[in-house]
Amino acid sequence: MRLRIDLVLEIEDADRLAGAAVDRIAQDPAMRTEERTHAEAAVREDGAEALAYLVDPVDLVAALPGAELVQASWSSERVGYDPDGEEWDFDDEDGDD
């Protein structure tokens, strides 16, 4: 069985999030200077990019017995979210339940 999980994250301070990602990038000894420059620009422009440098999806599920991460992807869009509203109807990209 494959499950798709959508996570809604509210970013309250995009500058702090980007700053934390820039700090993480600066600590990566394997990253070349040109990669570092590109990565820093990307995390400042896109919250999903910043999250990708701060959150390891493998770590999120590693302790779950019987679960294995098959694929992880990041995307970002601004949405209006009402936690008390009706359930969201996310598009099912792959058609699997």
PDB file of N, CA and C in Angstrom:
ATOM      1  N   MET A   1       0.849  -1.172   0.000  1.00  0.00           N
ATOM      2  CA  MET A   1       0.000   0.000   0.000  1.00  0.00           C
ATOM      3  C   MET A   1       0.899   1.240   0.000  1.00  0.00           C
ATOM      4  N   ARG A   2       0.553   2.198  -0.834  1.00  0.00           N
ATOM      5  CA  ARG A   2       1.275   3.470  -0.871  1.00  0.00           C
ATOM      6  C   ARG A   2       0.338   4.560  -0.394  1.00  0.00           C
ATOM      7  N   LEU A   3       0.836   5.419   0.453  1.00  0.00           N
ATOM      8  CA  LEU A   3       0.084   6.562   0.943  1.00  0.00           C
ATOM      9  C   LEU A   3       0.741   7.841   0.450  1.00  0.00           C
ATOM     10  N   ARG A   4      -0.074   8.794   0.166  1.00  0.00           N
ATOM     11  CA  ARG A   4       0.436  10.123  -0.155  1.00  0.00           C
ATOM     12  C   ARG A   4       0.033  11.033   0.991  1.00  0.00           C
ATOM     13  N   ILE A   5       0.983  11.770   1.520  1.00  0.00           N
ATOM     14  CA  ILE A   5       0.745  12.678   2.626  1.00  0.00           C
ATOM     15  C   ILE A   5       1.018  14.100   2.145  1.00  0.00           C
ATOM     16  N   ASP A   6       0.062  14.974   2.326  1.00  0.00           N
ATOM     17  CA  ASP A   6       0.265  16.390   2.034  1.00  0.00           C
ATOM     18  C   ASP A   6       0.378  17.114   3.364  1.00  0.00           C
ATOM     19  N   LEU A   7       1.371  17.931   3.476  1.00  0.00           N
ATOM     20  CA  LEU A   7       1.639  18.662   4.704  1.00  0.00           C
ATOM     21  C   LEU A   7       1.408  20.146   4.446  1.00  0.00           C
ATOM     22  N   VAL A   8       0.566  20.754   5.256  1.00  0.00           N
ATOM     23  CA  VAL A   8       0.340  22.194   5.149  1.00  0.00           C
ATOM     24  C   VAL A   8       1.150  22.845   6.262  1.00  0.00           C
ATOM     25  N   LEU A   9       2.047  23.696   5.873  1.00  0.00           N
ATOM     26  CA  LEU A   9       2.943  24.345   6.815  1.00  0.00           C
ATOM     27  C   LEU A   9       2.768  25.849   6.705  1.00  0.00           C
ATOM     28  N   GLU A  10       2.533  26.477   7.809  1.00  0.00           N
ATOM     29  CA  GLU A  10       2.450  27.932   7.808  1.00  0.00           C
ATOM     30  C   GLU A  10       3.817  28.491   8.157  1.00  0.00           C
ATOM     31  N   ILE A  11       4.351  29.298   7.270  1.00  0.00           N
ATOM     32  CA  ILE A  11       5.633  29.942   7.523  1.00  0.00           C
ATOM     33  C   ILE A  11       5.333  31.316   8.093  1.00  0.00           C
ATOM     34  N   GLU A  12       5.645  31.463   9.354  1.00  0.00           N
ATOM     35  CA  GLU A  12       5.348  32.728  10.039  1.00  0.00           C
ATOM     36  C   GLU A  12       6.429  33.777   9.822  1.00  0.00           C
ATOM     37  N   ASP A  13       7.651  33.335   9.555  1.00  0.00           N
ATOM     38  CA  ASP A  13       8.747  34.272   9.345  1.00  0.00           C
ATOM     39  C   ASP A  13       9.664  33.704   8.256  1.00  0.00           C
ATOM     40  N   ALA A  14       9.389  34.068   7.020  1.00  0.00           N
ATOM     41  CA  ALA A  14      10.142  33.537   5.882  1.00  0.00           C
ATOM     42  C   ALA A  14      11.618  33.901   5.953  1.00  0.00           C
ATOM     43  N   ASP A  15      11.924  35.064   6.492  1.00  0.00           N
ATOM     44  CA  ASP A  15      13.323  35.479   6.602  1.00  0.00           C
ATOM     45  C   ASP A  15      14.089  34.597   7.581  1.00  0.00           C
ATOM     46  N   ARG A  16      13.467  34.259   8.699  1.00  0.00           N
ATOM     47  CA  ARG A  16      14.121  33.362   9.672  1.00  0.00           C
ATOM     48  C   ARG A  16      14.308  31.972   9.091  1.00  0.00           C
ATOM     49  N   LEU A  17      13.302  31.484   8.374  1.00  0.00           N
ATOM     50  CA  LEU A  17      13.402  30.175   7.756  1.00  0.00           C
ATOM     51  C   LEU A  17      14.545  30.156   6.739  1.00  0.00           C
ATOM     52  N   ALA A  18      14.584  31.168   5.891  1.00  0.00           N
ATOM     53  CA  ALA A  18      15.653  31.265   4.893  1.00  0.00           C
ATOM     54  C   ALA A  18      17.016  31.397   5.566  1.00  0.00           C
ATOM     55  N   GLY A  19      17.072  32.173   6.631  1.00  0.00           N
ATOM     56  CA  GLY A  19      18.337  32.346   7.354  1.00  0.00           C
ATOM     57  C   GLY A  19      18.848  31.037   7.937  1.00  0.00           C
ATOM     58  N   ALA A  20      17.944  30.237   8.477  1.00  0.00           N
ATOM     59  CA  ALA A  20      18.342  28.931   9.018  1.00  0.00           C
ATOM     60  C   ALA A  20      18.851  28.029   7.900  1.00  0.00           C
ATOM     61  N   ALA A  21      18.205  28.089   6.736  1.00  0.00           N
ATOM     62  CA  ALA A  21      18.653  27.283   5.601  1.00  0.00           C
ATOM     63  C   ALA A  21      20.019  27.753   5.100  1.00  0.00           C
ATOM     64  N   VAL A  22      20.226  29.063   5.050  1.00  0.00           N
ATOM     65  CA  VAL A  22      21.519  29.598   4.635  1.00  0.00           C
ATOM     66  C   VAL A  22      22.607  29.140   5.605  1.00  0.00           C
ATOM     67  N   ASP A  23      22.303  29.139   6.893  1.00  0.00           N
ATOM     68  CA  ASP A  23      23.266  28.653   7.896  1.00  0.00           C
ATOM     69  C   ASP A  23      23.609  27.187   7.658  1.00  0.00           C
ATOM     70  N   ARG A  24      22.595  26.373   7.359  1.00  0.00           N
ATOM     71  CA  ARG A  24      22.824  24.947   7.094  1.00  0.00           C
ATOM     72  C   ARG A  24      23.694  24.769   5.855  1.00  0.00           C
ATOM     73  N   ILE A  25      23.417  25.565   4.824  1.00  0.00           N
ATOM     74  CA  ILE A  25      24.206  25.496   3.593  1.00  0.00           C
ATOM     75  C   ILE A  25      25.658  25.867   3.881  1.00  0.00           C
ATOM     76  N   ALA A  26      25.869  26.890   4.690  1.00  0.00           N
ATOM     77  CA  ALA A  26      27.221  27.339   5.026  1.00  0.00           C
ATOM     78  C   ALA A  26      28.004  26.260   5.768  1.00  0.00           C
ATOM     79  N   GLN A  27      27.306  25.376   6.477  1.00  0.00           N
ATOM     80  CA  GLN A  27      27.965  24.320   7.251  1.00  0.00           C
ATOM     81  C   GLN A  27      28.255  23.068   6.427  1.00  0.00           C
ATOM     82  N   ASP A  28      27.835  23.049   5.174  1.00  0.00           N
ATOM     83  CA  ASP A  28      28.028  21.866   4.334  1.00  0.00           C
ATOM     84  C   ASP A  28      29.418  21.917   3.697  1.00  0.00           C
ATOM     85  N   PRO A  29      30.345  21.114   4.206  1.00  0.00           N
ATOM     86  CA  PRO A  29      31.719  21.186   3.697  1.00  0.00           C
ATOM     87  C   PRO A  29      31.872  20.611   2.284  1.00  0.00           C
ATOM     88  N   ALA A  30      30.916  19.826   1.835  1.00  0.00           N
ATOM     89  CA  ALA A  30      31.018  19.204   0.523  1.00  0.00           C
ATOM     90  C   ALA A  30      30.510  20.097  -0.602  1.00  0.00           C
ATOM     91  N   MET A  31      29.858  21.200  -0.259  1.00  0.00           N
ATOM     92  CA  MET A  31      29.258  22.058  -1.278  1.00  0.00           C
ATOM     93  C   MET A  31      30.296  23.020  -1.850  1.00  0.00           C
ATOM     94  N   ARG A  32      30.373  23.034  -3.168  1.00  0.00           N
ATOM     95  CA  ARG A  32      31.286  23.953  -3.846  1.00  0.00           C
ATOM     96  C   ARG A  32      30.734  25.378  -3.767  1.00  0.00           C
ATOM     97  N   THR A  33      31.604  26.356  -3.952  1.00  0.00           N
ATOM     98  CA  THR A  33      31.226  27.761  -3.833  1.00  0.00           C
ATOM     99  C   THR A  33      30.098  28.140  -4.778  1.00  0.00           C
ATOM    100  N   GLU A  34      30.182  27.707  -6.043  1.00  0.00           N
ATOM    101  CA  GLU A  34      29.132  28.076  -6.999  1.00  0.00           C
ATOM    102  C   GLU A  34      27.800  27.419  -6.626  1.00  0.00           C
ATOM    103  N   GLU A  35      27.843  26.190  -6.100  1.00  0.00           N
ATOM    104  CA  GLU A  35      26.620  25.533  -5.630  1.00  0.00           C
ATOM    105  C   GLU A  35      26.043  26.282  -4.433  1.00  0.00           C
ATOM    106  N   ARG A  36      26.930  26.685  -3.542  1.00  0.00           N
ATOM    107  CA  ARG A  36      26.510  27.395  -2.333  1.00  0.00           C
ATOM    108  C   ARG A  36      25.806  28.693  -2.691  1.00  0.00           C
ATOM    109  N   THR A  37      26.370  29.444  -3.629  1.00  0.00           N
ATOM    110  CA  THR A  37      25.771  30.716  -4.054  1.00  0.00           C
ATOM    111  C   THR A  37      24.385  30.489  -4.639  1.00  0.00           C
ATOM    112  N   HIS A  38      24.263  29.483  -5.495  1.00  0.00           N
ATOM    113  CA  HIS A  38      22.976  29.155  -6.102  1.00  0.00           C
ATOM    114  C   HIS A  38      21.973  28.704  -5.035  1.00  0.00           C
ATOM    115  N   ALA A  39      22.402  27.851  -4.120  1.00  0.00           N
ATOM    116  CA  ALA A  39      21.516  27.340  -3.072  1.00  0.00           C
ATOM    117  C   ALA A  39      21.035  28.458  -2.155  1.00  0.00           C
ATOM    118  N   GLU A  40      21.924  29.355  -1.793  1.00  0.00           N
ATOM    119  CA  GLU A  40      21.539  30.468  -0.924  1.00  0.00           C
ATOM    120  C   GLU A  40      20.484  31.349  -1.591  1.00  0.00           C
ATOM    121  N   ALA A  41      20.646  31.615  -2.877  1.00  0.00           N
ATOM    122  CA  ALA A  41      19.655  32.414  -3.601  1.00  0.00           C
ATOM    123  C   ALA A  41      18.317  31.683  -3.654  1.00  0.00           C
ATOM    124  N   ALA A  42      18.358  30.389  -3.882  1.00  0.00           N
ATOM    125  CA  ALA A  42      17.129  29.597  -3.988  1.00  0.00           C
ATOM    126  C   ALA A  42      16.354  29.581  -2.678  1.00  0.00           C
ATOM    127  N   VAL A  43      17.037  29.415  -1.548  1.00  0.00           N
ATOM    128  CA  VAL A  43      16.311  29.355  -0.272  1.00  0.00           C
ATOM    129  C   VAL A  43      15.753  30.706   0.134  1.00  0.00           C
ATOM    130  N   ARG A  44      16.354  31.769  -0.332  1.00  0.00           N
ATOM    131  CA  ARG A  44      15.822  33.102  -0.037  1.00  0.00           C
ATOM    132  C   ARG A  44      14.555  33.396  -0.846  1.00  0.00           C
ATOM    133  N   GLU A  45      14.419  32.748  -2.010  1.00  0.00           N
ATOM    134  CA  GLU A  45      13.283  32.993  -2.896  1.00  0.00           C
ATOM    135  C   GLU A  45      12.103  32.055  -2.649  1.00  0.00           C
ATOM    136  N   ASP A  46      12.360  30.864  -2.129  1.00  0.00           N
ATOM    137  CA  ASP A  46      11.320  29.842  -2.073  1.00  0.00           C
ATOM    138  C   ASP A  46      11.361  29.096  -0.747  1.00  0.00           C
ATOM    139  N   GLY A  47      10.256  29.173  -0.023  1.00  0.00           N
ATOM    140  CA  GLY A  47      10.160  28.480   1.260  1.00  0.00           C
ATOM    141  C   GLY A  47      10.334  26.983   1.139  1.00  0.00           C
ATOM    142  N   ALA A  48       9.875  26.398   0.040  1.00  0.00           N
ATOM    143  CA  ALA A  48      10.036  24.954  -0.160  1.00  0.00           C
ATOM    144  C   ALA A  48      11.510  24.595  -0.299  1.00  0.00           C
ATOM    145  N   GLU A  49      12.276  25.435  -0.960  1.00  0.00           N
ATOM    146  CA  GLU A  49      13.714  25.196  -1.066  1.00  0.00           C
ATOM    147  C   GLU A  49      14.368  25.270   0.304  1.00  0.00           C
ATOM    148  N   ALA A  50      13.965  26.252   1.110  1.00  0.00           N
ATOM    149  CA  ALA A  50      14.518  26.363   2.457  1.00  0.00           C
ATOM    150  C   ALA A  50      14.209  25.113   3.272  1.00  0.00           C
ATOM    151  N   LEU A  51      12.967  24.641   3.198  1.00  0.00           N
ATOM    152  CA  LEU A  51      12.601  23.424   3.910  1.00  0.00           C
ATOM    153  C   LEU A  51      13.416  22.222   3.450  1.00  0.00           C
ATOM    154  N   ALA A  52      13.687  22.156   2.161  1.00  0.00           N
ATOM    155  CA  ALA A  52      14.446  21.031   1.624  1.00  0.00           C
ATOM    156  C   ALA A  52      15.852  20.964   2.222  1.00  0.00           C
ATOM    157  N   TYR A  53      16.410  22.094   2.615  1.00  0.00           N
ATOM    158  CA  TYR A  53      17.732  22.101   3.244  1.00  0.00           C
ATOM    159  C   TYR A  53      17.653  21.848   4.748  1.00  0.00           C
ATOM    160  N   LEU A  54      16.482  22.034   5.324  1.00  0.00           N
ATOM    161  CA  LEU A  54      16.351  21.904   6.777  1.00  0.00           C
ATOM    162  C   LEU A  54      15.704  20.606   7.241  1.00  0.00           C
ATOM    163  N   VAL A  55      14.892  20.002   6.397  1.00  0.00           N
ATOM    164  CA  VAL A  55      14.138  18.819   6.794  1.00  0.00           C
ATOM    165  C   VAL A  55      14.540  17.643   5.907  1.00  0.00           C
ATOM    166  N   ASP A  56      14.943  16.568   6.532  1.00  0.00           N
ATOM    167  CA  ASP A  56      15.277  15.355   5.796  1.00  0.00           C
ATOM    168  C   ASP A  56      14.080  14.421   5.863  1.00  0.00           C
ATOM    169  N   PRO A  57      13.398  14.182   4.737  1.00  0.00           N
ATOM    170  CA  PRO A  57      12.202  13.336   4.766  1.00  0.00           C
ATOM    171  C   PRO A  57      12.486  11.920   5.262  1.00  0.00           C
ATOM    172  N   VAL A  58      13.681  11.413   5.030  1.00  0.00           N
ATOM    173  CA  VAL A  58      14.031  10.084   5.531  1.00  0.00           C
ATOM    174  C   VAL A  58      13.984  10.082   7.057  1.00  0.00           C
ATOM    175  N   ASP A  59      14.489  11.136   7.671  1.00  0.00           N
ATOM    176  CA  ASP A  59      14.460  11.239   9.135  1.00  0.00           C
ATOM    177  C   ASP A  59      13.034  11.301   9.679  1.00  0.00           C
ATOM    178  N   LEU A  60      12.118  11.868   8.898  1.00  0.00           N
ATOM    179  CA  LEU A  60      10.732  11.985   9.354  1.00  0.00           C
ATOM    180  C   LEU A  60      10.054  10.637   9.526  1.00  0.00           C
ATOM    181  N   VAL A  61      10.436   9.660   8.713  1.00  0.00           N
ATOM    182  CA  VAL A  61       9.763   8.355   8.764  1.00  0.00           C
ATOM    183  C   VAL A  61      10.663   7.225   9.230  1.00  0.00           C
ATOM    184  N   ALA A  62      11.927   7.492   9.492  1.00  0.00           N
ATOM    185  CA  ALA A  62      12.886   6.437   9.833  1.00  0.00           C
ATOM    186  C   ALA A  62      12.455   5.617  11.046  1.00  0.00           C
ATOM    187  N   ALA A  63      11.826   6.229  12.014  1.00  0.00           N
ATOM    188  CA  ALA A  63      11.461   5.521  13.239  1.00  0.00           C
ATOM    189  C   ALA A  63      10.091   4.846  13.163  1.00  0.00           C
ATOM    190  N   LEU A  64       9.422   4.940  12.038  1.00  0.00           N
ATOM    191  CA  LEU A  64       8.100   4.346  11.905  1.00  0.00           C
ATOM    192  C   LEU A  64       8.233   2.881  11.497  1.00  0.00           C
ATOM    193  N   PRO A  65       7.795   1.969  12.365  1.00  0.00           N
ATOM    194  CA  PRO A  65       7.928   0.554  12.019  1.00  0.00           C
ATOM    195  C   PRO A  65       7.047   0.189  10.828  1.00  0.00           C
ATOM    196  N   GLY A  66       7.617  -0.552   9.905  1.00  0.00           N
ATOM    197  CA  GLY A  66       6.856  -1.009   8.747  1.00  0.00           C
ATOM    198  C   GLY A  66       6.683   0.026   7.662  1.00  0.00           C
ATOM    199  N   ALA A  67       7.344   1.172   7.774  1.00  0.00           N
ATOM    200  CA  ALA A  67       7.213   2.230   6.771  1.00  0.00           C
ATOM    201  C   ALA A  67       8.570   2.509   6.141  1.00  0.00           C
ATOM    202  N   GLU A  68       8.543   2.767   4.857  1.00  0.00           N
ATOM    203  CA  GLU A  68       9.747   3.119   4.128  1.00  0.00           C
ATOM    204  C   GLU A  68       9.415   4.261   3.180  1.00  0.00           C
ATOM    205  N   LEU A  69      10.246   5.266   3.175  1.00  0.00           N
ATOM    206  CA  LEU A  69      10.038   6.394   2.264  1.00  0.00           C
ATOM    207  C   LEU A  69      10.375   5.960   0.846  1.00  0.00           C
ATOM    208  N   VAL A  70       9.425   6.093  -0.051  1.00  0.00           N
ATOM    209  CA  VAL A  70       9.612   5.693  -1.437  1.00  0.00           C
ATOM    210  C   VAL A  70      10.027   6.888  -2.280  1.00  0.00           C
ATOM    211  N   GLN A  71       9.419   8.032  -2.032  1.00  0.00           N
ATOM    212  CA  GLN A  71       9.698   9.226  -2.818  1.00  0.00           C
ATOM    213  C   GLN A  71       9.358  10.442  -1.982  1.00  0.00           C
ATOM    214  N   ALA A  72      10.119  11.487  -2.156  1.00  0.00           N
ATOM    215  CA  ALA A  72       9.818  12.753  -1.489  1.00  0.00           C
ATOM    216  C   ALA A  72      10.016  13.868  -2.500  1.00  0.00           C
ATOM    217  N   SER A  73       9.140  14.843  -2.469  1.00  0.00           N
ATOM    218  CA  SER A  73       9.290  16.000  -3.333  1.00  0.00           C
ATOM    219  C   SER A  73       8.803  17.223  -2.580  1.00  0.00           C
ATOM    220  N   TRP A  74       9.266  18.357  -3.012  1.00  0.00           N
ATOM    221  CA  TRP A  74       8.920  19.614  -2.372  1.00  0.00           C
ATOM    222  C   TRP A  74       8.321  20.540  -3.407  1.00  0.00           C
ATOM    223  N   SER A  75       7.278  21.237  -3.007  1.00  0.00           N
ATOM    224  CA  SER A  75       6.757  22.311  -3.831  1.00  0.00           C
ATOM    225  C   SER A  75       6.153  23.340  -2.891  1.00  0.00           C
ATOM    226  N   SER A  76       5.913  24.484  -3.412  1.00  0.00           N
ATOM    227  CA  SER A  76       5.427  25.559  -2.569  1.00  0.00           C
ATOM    228  C   SER A  76       4.401  26.370  -3.334  1.00  0.00           C
ATOM    229  N   GLU A  77       3.330  26.704  -2.661  1.00  0.00           N
ATOM    230  CA  GLU A  77       2.355  27.626  -3.232  1.00  0.00           C
ATOM    231  C   GLU A  77       1.645  28.323  -2.080  1.00  0.00           C
ATOM    232  N   ARG A  78       1.241  29.523  -2.337  1.00  0.00           N
ATOM    233  CA  ARG A  78       0.488  30.264  -1.325  1.00  0.00           C
ATOM    234  C   ARG A  78      -0.969  29.833  -1.413  1.00  0.00           C
ATOM    235  N   VAL A  79      -1.548  29.505  -0.267  1.00  0.00           N
ATOM    236  CA  VAL A  79      -2.931  29.054  -0.230  1.00  0.00           C
ATOM    237  C   VAL A  79      -3.630  29.707   0.950  1.00  0.00           C
ATOM    238  N   GLY A  80      -4.931  29.822   0.824  1.00  0.00           N
ATOM    239  CA  GLY A  80      -5.738  30.250   1.952  1.00  0.00           C
ATOM    240  C   GLY A  80      -6.137  29.010   2.729  1.00  0.00           C
ATOM    241  N   TYR A  81      -5.861  28.967   4.000  1.00  0.00           N
ATOM    242  CA  TYR A  81      -6.129  27.771   4.788  1.00  0.00           C
ATOM    243  C   TYR A  81      -7.028  28.132   5.955  1.00  0.00           C
ATOM    244  N   ASP A  82      -8.130  27.412   6.066  1.00  0.00           N
ATOM    245  CA  ASP A  82      -9.054  27.572   7.186  1.00  0.00           C
ATOM    246  C   ASP A  82      -9.136  26.223   7.893  1.00  0.00           C
ATOM    247  N   PRO A  83      -8.466  26.070   9.043  1.00  0.00           N
ATOM    248  CA  PRO A  83      -8.448  24.774   9.711  1.00  0.00           C
ATOM    249  C   PRO A  83      -9.834  24.302  10.139  1.00  0.00           C
ATOM    250  N   ASP A  84     -10.783  25.204  10.251  1.00  0.00           N
ATOM    251  CA  ASP A  84     -12.143  24.831  10.638  1.00  0.00           C
ATOM    252  C   ASP A  84     -13.058  24.660   9.432  1.00  0.00           C
ATOM    253  N   GLY A  85     -12.529  24.910   8.246  1.00  0.00           N
ATOM    254  CA  GLY A  85     -13.326  24.799   7.028  1.00  0.00           C
ATOM    255  C   GLY A  85     -13.453  23.362   6.568  1.00  0.00           C
ATOM    256  N   GLU A  86     -14.041  23.219   5.398  1.00  0.00           N
ATOM    257  CA  GLU A  86     -14.222  21.884   4.831  1.00  0.00           C
ATOM    258  C   GLU A  86     -12.878  21.253   4.505  1.00  0.00           C
ATOM    259  N   GLU A  87     -12.883  19.930   4.408  1.00  0.00           N
ATOM    260  CA  GLU A  87     -11.670  19.207   4.065  1.00  0.00           C
ATOM    261  C   GLU A  87     -11.198  19.630   2.685  1.00  0.00           C
ATOM    262  N   TRP A  88      -9.898  19.730   2.529  1.00  0.00           N
ATOM    263  CA  TRP A  88      -9.328  20.123   1.250  1.00  0.00           C
ATOM    264  C   TRP A  88      -9.423  18.977   0.264  1.00  0.00           C
ATOM    265  N   ASP A  89      -9.582  19.303  -0.989  1.00  0.00           N
ATOM    266  CA  ASP A  89      -9.601  18.305  -2.050  1.00  0.00           C
ATOM    267  C   ASP A  89      -8.314  18.467  -2.851  1.00  0.00           C
ATOM    268  N   PHE A  90      -7.253  17.765  -2.401  1.00  0.00           N
ATOM    269  CA  PHE A  90      -5.977  17.832  -3.110  1.00  0.00           C
ATOM    270  C   PHE A  90      -6.080  16.995  -4.375  1.00  0.00           C
ATOM    271  N   ASP A  91      -5.457  17.468  -5.425  1.00  0.00           N
ATOM    272  CA  ASP A  91      -5.401  16.685  -6.653  1.00  0.00           C
ATOM    273  C   ASP A  91      -4.572  15.438  -6.395  1.00  0.00           C
ATOM    274  N   ASP A  92      -5.079  14.294  -6.826  1.00  0.00           N
ATOM    275  CA  ASP A  92      -4.339  13.050  -6.684  1.00  0.00           C
ATOM    276  C   ASP A  92      -3.541  12.838  -7.959  1.00  0.00           C
ATOM    277  N   GLU A  93      -2.264  13.172  -7.916  1.00  0.00           N
ATOM    278  CA  GLU A  93      -1.431  13.166  -9.111  1.00  0.00           C
ATOM    279  C   GLU A  93      -1.233  11.774  -9.692  1.00  0.00           C
ATOM    280  N   ASP A  94      -1.100  10.768  -8.824  1.00  0.00           N
ATOM    281  CA  ASP A  94      -0.771   9.452  -9.366  1.00  0.00           C
ATOM    282  C   ASP A  94      -1.947   8.480  -9.380  1.00  0.00           C
ATOM    283  N   GLY A  95      -3.065   8.856  -8.804  1.00  0.00           N
ATOM    284  CA  GLY A  95      -4.253   8.030  -8.839  1.00  0.00           C
ATOM    285  C   GLY A  95      -4.231   6.857  -7.891  1.00  0.00           C
ATOM    286  N   ASP A  96      -3.144   6.651  -7.128  1.00  0.00           N
ATOM    287  CA  ASP A  96      -3.073   5.543  -6.172  1.00  0.00           C
ATOM    288  C   ASP A  96      -3.610   5.979  -4.829  1.00  0.00           C
ATOM    289  N   ASP A  97      -4.306   5.094  -4.163  1.00  0.00           N
ATOM    290  CA  ASP A  97      -4.799   5.383  -2.814  1.00  0.00           C
ATOM    291  C   ASP A  97      -4.049   4.572  -1.808  1.00  0.00           C
TER     292      ASP A  97
END
